[in-house]
């Protein structure tokens, strides 16, 4: 594993925001591999779980993978 100058969580949030707040997990993994070279699905899953537990994203299961959606500030306040 290589050291990163920016946390994986922040990179993921930035990529989702650049895609208008919604991104498929396969597309996200490919984007991360292009940027970071070495990232596993396990690392991605851990980061997605952490972000979802913190209320930053919502992960929905679809027939063809998962969709990751950036939570808006108003949605996060409603859950608290």
N, C-alpha and C. Protein backbone atom coordinates (compact mmCIF):
# COMPACT_ATOMS: atom_id res chain seq x y z
N UNK A 1 0.84 -1.18 0.00
CA UNK A 1 0.00 0.00 0.00
C UNK A 1 0.88 1.24 0.00
N UNK A 2 0.54 2.19 -0.85
CA UNK A 2 1.29 3.44 -0.92
C UNK A 2 0.65 4.49 -0.03
N UNK A 3 1.45 5.42 0.44
CA UNK A 3 0.96 6.53 1.23
C UNK A 3 0.32 7.56 0.32
N UNK A 4 -0.78 8.11 0.76
CA UNK A 4 -1.48 9.13 -0.01
C UNK A 4 -1.33 10.47 0.69
N UNK A 5 -1.27 11.54 -0.11
CA UNK A 5 -1.20 12.87 0.49
C UNK A 5 -2.59 13.38 0.85
N UNK A 6 -3.62 12.82 0.23
CA UNK A 6 -5.00 13.19 0.51
C UNK A 6 -5.75 11.92 0.92
N UNK A 7 -6.67 12.04 1.86
CA UNK A 7 -7.37 10.84 2.33
C UNK A 7 -8.30 10.30 1.25
N UNK A 8 -8.49 9.01 1.26
CA UNK A 8 -9.36 8.34 0.29
C UNK A 8 -10.78 8.88 0.41
N UNK A 9 -11.23 9.15 1.62
CA UNK A 9 -12.58 9.70 1.83
C UNK A 9 -12.77 11.00 1.07
N UNK A 10 -11.81 11.90 1.18
CA UNK A 10 -11.91 13.19 0.50
C UNK A 10 -11.87 13.05 -1.01
N UNK A 11 -11.04 12.14 -1.49
CA UNK A 11 -10.95 11.90 -2.93
C UNK A 11 -12.28 11.38 -3.45
N UNK A 12 -12.89 10.43 -2.73
CA UNK A 12 -14.18 9.88 -3.13
C UNK A 12 -15.25 10.96 -3.15
N UNK A 13 -15.33 11.76 -2.10
CA UNK A 13 -16.33 12.83 -2.05
C UNK A 13 -16.15 13.82 -3.20
N UNK A 14 -14.91 14.14 -3.52
CA UNK A 14 -14.62 15.06 -4.61
C UNK A 14 -15.05 14.48 -5.96
N UNK A 15 -14.76 13.20 -6.20
CA UNK A 15 -15.15 12.56 -7.45
C UNK A 15 -16.66 12.49 -7.61
N UNK A 16 -17.36 12.17 -6.53
CA UNK A 16 -18.82 12.11 -6.59
C UNK A 16 -19.40 13.50 -6.86
N UNK A 17 -18.86 14.51 -6.21
CA UNK A 17 -19.35 15.88 -6.42
C UNK A 17 -19.13 16.32 -7.86
N UNK A 18 -18.01 15.93 -8.45
CA UNK A 18 -17.73 16.30 -9.84
C UNK A 18 -18.67 15.62 -10.83
N UNK A 19 -19.30 14.53 -10.42
CA UNK A 19 -20.26 13.80 -11.28
C UNK A 19 -21.69 14.14 -10.88
N UNK A 20 -21.94 15.36 -10.49
CA UNK A 20 -23.27 15.86 -10.11
C UNK A 20 -23.89 15.08 -8.94
N UNK A 21 -23.06 14.52 -8.08
CA UNK A 21 -23.54 13.92 -6.85
C UNK A 21 -23.94 12.46 -6.92
N UNK A 22 -23.85 11.82 -8.07
CA UNK A 22 -24.22 10.40 -8.19
C UNK A 22 -23.21 9.67 -9.06
N UNK A 23 -22.81 8.49 -8.61
CA UNK A 23 -21.79 7.74 -9.32
C UNK A 23 -21.96 6.25 -9.02
N UNK A 24 -21.76 5.40 -10.03
CA UNK A 24 -21.80 3.96 -9.82
C UNK A 24 -20.51 3.47 -9.19
N UNK A 25 -20.57 2.37 -8.45
CA UNK A 25 -19.38 1.89 -7.76
C UNK A 25 -18.30 1.41 -8.74
N UNK A 26 -18.69 0.83 -9.87
CA UNK A 26 -17.71 0.40 -10.86
C UNK A 26 -16.98 1.57 -11.49
N UNK A 27 -17.74 2.61 -11.81
CA UNK A 27 -17.14 3.82 -12.38
C UNK A 27 -16.21 4.49 -11.37
N UNK A 28 -16.65 4.54 -10.13
CA UNK A 28 -15.83 5.13 -9.06
C UNK A 28 -14.52 4.36 -8.90
N UNK A 29 -14.59 3.04 -8.90
CA UNK A 29 -13.39 2.22 -8.76
C UNK A 29 -12.43 2.47 -9.92
N UNK A 30 -12.93 2.55 -11.14
CA UNK A 30 -12.08 2.81 -12.30
C UNK A 30 -11.42 4.19 -12.21
N UNK A 31 -12.17 5.19 -11.77
CA UNK A 31 -11.61 6.53 -11.61
C UNK A 31 -10.51 6.53 -10.56
N UNK A 32 -10.74 5.83 -9.45
CA UNK A 32 -9.74 5.76 -8.38
C UNK A 32 -8.49 5.01 -8.84
N UNK A 33 -8.67 3.93 -9.60
CA UNK A 33 -7.52 3.18 -10.11
C UNK A 33 -6.69 4.05 -11.06
N UNK A 34 -7.34 4.88 -11.85
CA UNK A 34 -6.62 5.78 -12.76
C UNK A 34 -5.82 6.82 -11.98
N UNK A 35 -6.35 7.25 -10.85
CA UNK A 35 -5.68 8.28 -10.04
C UNK A 35 -4.62 7.69 -9.12
N UNK A 36 -4.96 6.59 -8.45
CA UNK A 36 -4.12 6.06 -7.37
C UNK A 36 -3.31 4.83 -7.76
N UNK A 37 -3.61 4.26 -8.91
CA UNK A 37 -2.95 3.05 -9.42
C UNK A 37 -3.30 1.81 -8.61
N UNK A 38 -3.11 1.83 -7.31
CA UNK A 38 -3.36 0.65 -6.49
C UNK A 38 -4.47 0.91 -5.49
N UNK A 39 -5.63 0.32 -5.76
CA UNK A 39 -6.74 0.36 -4.80
C UNK A 39 -7.58 -0.90 -5.02
N UNK A 40 -7.98 -1.51 -3.94
CA UNK A 40 -8.77 -2.74 -4.05
C UNK A 40 -10.24 -2.42 -3.76
N UNK A 41 -11.09 -3.35 -4.14
CA UNK A 41 -12.52 -3.21 -3.85
C UNK A 41 -12.74 -3.22 -2.34
N UNK A 42 -11.90 -3.94 -1.61
CA UNK A 42 -12.00 -3.97 -0.15
C UNK A 42 -11.75 -2.59 0.44
N UNK A 43 -10.69 -1.91 -0.04
CA UNK A 43 -10.41 -0.55 0.43
C UNK A 43 -11.56 0.40 0.11
N UNK A 44 -12.09 0.27 -1.11
CA UNK A 44 -13.20 1.13 -1.52
C UNK A 44 -14.41 0.86 -0.64
N UNK A 45 -14.73 -0.40 -0.40
CA UNK A 45 -15.88 -0.74 0.45
C UNK A 45 -15.74 -0.17 1.85
N UNK A 46 -14.56 -0.27 2.44
CA UNK A 46 -14.32 0.28 3.78
C UNK A 46 -14.55 1.79 3.80
N UNK A 47 -14.04 2.48 2.79
CA UNK A 47 -14.20 3.93 2.71
C UNK A 47 -15.67 4.30 2.52
N UNK A 48 -16.39 3.54 1.68
CA UNK A 48 -17.81 3.83 1.45
C UNK A 48 -18.63 3.60 2.72
N UNK A 49 -18.30 2.54 3.46
CA UNK A 49 -19.02 2.28 4.72
C UNK A 49 -18.79 3.42 5.71
N UNK A 50 -17.54 3.87 5.84
CA UNK A 50 -17.23 4.97 6.76
C UNK A 50 -17.98 6.23 6.37
N UNK A 51 -17.99 6.55 5.07
CA UNK A 51 -18.67 7.76 4.59
C UNK A 51 -20.18 7.66 4.81
N UNK A 52 -20.73 6.47 4.60
CA UNK A 52 -22.17 6.31 4.80
C UNK A 52 -22.54 6.40 6.28
N UNK A 53 -21.72 5.81 7.14
CA UNK A 53 -21.98 5.89 8.58
C UNK A 53 -21.88 7.32 9.10
N UNK A 54 -21.02 8.13 8.49
CA UNK A 54 -20.87 9.54 8.87
C UNK A 54 -21.93 10.43 8.23
N UNK A 55 -22.79 9.84 7.39
CA UNK A 55 -23.87 10.61 6.77
C UNK A 55 -23.44 11.46 5.59
N UNK A 56 -22.29 11.16 5.02
CA UNK A 56 -21.79 11.94 3.89
C UNK A 56 -22.34 11.45 2.56
N UNK A 57 -22.61 10.14 2.45
CA UNK A 57 -23.11 9.55 1.21
C UNK A 57 -24.22 8.56 1.52
N UNK A 58 -24.93 8.17 0.48
CA UNK A 58 -25.91 7.09 0.57
C UNK A 58 -25.55 6.08 -0.51
N UNK A 59 -25.47 4.81 -0.15
CA UNK A 59 -25.15 3.75 -1.11
C UNK A 59 -26.40 2.92 -1.32
N UNK A 60 -26.85 2.85 -2.58
CA UNK A 60 -28.07 2.10 -2.93
C UNK A 60 -27.69 0.91 -3.79
N UNK A 61 -28.30 -0.22 -3.52
CA UNK A 61 -28.06 -1.43 -4.29
C UNK A 61 -29.01 -1.48 -5.48
N UNK A 62 -28.45 -1.67 -6.67
CA UNK A 62 -29.23 -1.80 -7.90
C UNK A 62 -28.95 -3.17 -8.51
N UNK A 63 -29.66 -3.50 -9.57
CA UNK A 63 -29.43 -4.79 -10.23
C UNK A 63 -28.00 -4.92 -10.74
N UNK A 64 -27.44 -3.83 -11.23
CA UNK A 64 -26.09 -3.86 -11.79
C UNK A 64 -25.14 -3.05 -10.92
N UNK A 65 -24.91 -3.46 -9.71
CA UNK A 65 -23.96 -2.78 -8.84
C UNK A 65 -24.64 -1.83 -7.87
N UNK A 66 -23.86 -0.89 -7.39
CA UNK A 66 -24.34 0.08 -6.40
C UNK A 66 -24.24 1.48 -6.96
N UNK A 67 -25.11 2.36 -6.47
CA UNK A 67 -25.06 3.77 -6.81
C UNK A 67 -24.72 4.52 -5.54
N UNK A 68 -23.73 5.40 -5.64
CA UNK A 68 -23.30 6.20 -4.50
C UNK A 68 -23.78 7.62 -4.74
N UNK A 69 -24.52 8.17 -3.78
CA UNK A 69 -25.08 9.51 -3.90
C UNK A 69 -24.56 10.38 -2.77
N UNK A 70 -24.12 11.56 -3.12
CA UNK A 70 -23.65 12.53 -2.14
C UNK A 70 -24.85 13.09 -1.39
N UNK A 71 -24.79 13.08 -0.06
CA UNK A 71 -25.88 13.61 0.76
C UNK A 71 -25.74 15.12 0.85
N UNK A 72 -26.83 15.81 0.70
CA UNK A 72 -26.83 17.27 0.82
C UNK A 72 -26.91 17.63 2.31
N UNK A 73 -26.45 18.81 2.65
CA UNK A 73 -26.41 19.24 4.06
C UNK A 73 -27.79 19.15 4.70
N UNK A 74 -28.84 19.51 3.98
CA UNK A 74 -30.20 19.49 4.52
C UNK A 74 -30.62 18.05 4.83
N UNK A 75 -30.26 17.09 3.98
CA UNK A 75 -30.60 15.70 4.23
C UNK A 75 -29.89 15.18 5.47
N UNK A 76 -28.62 15.58 5.67
CA UNK A 76 -27.84 15.12 6.82
C UNK A 76 -28.46 15.68 8.10
N UNK A 77 -28.94 16.93 8.10
CA UNK A 77 -29.52 17.53 9.29
C UNK A 77 -30.81 16.83 9.67
N UNK A 78 -31.58 16.38 8.69
CA UNK A 78 -32.84 15.68 8.93
C UNK A 78 -32.66 14.34 9.59
N UNK A 79 -31.48 13.73 9.38
CA UNK A 79 -31.21 12.42 9.95
C UNK A 79 -30.71 12.50 11.37
N UNK A 80 -30.22 13.64 11.78
CA UNK A 80 -29.62 13.78 13.11
C UNK A 80 -30.64 13.82 14.22
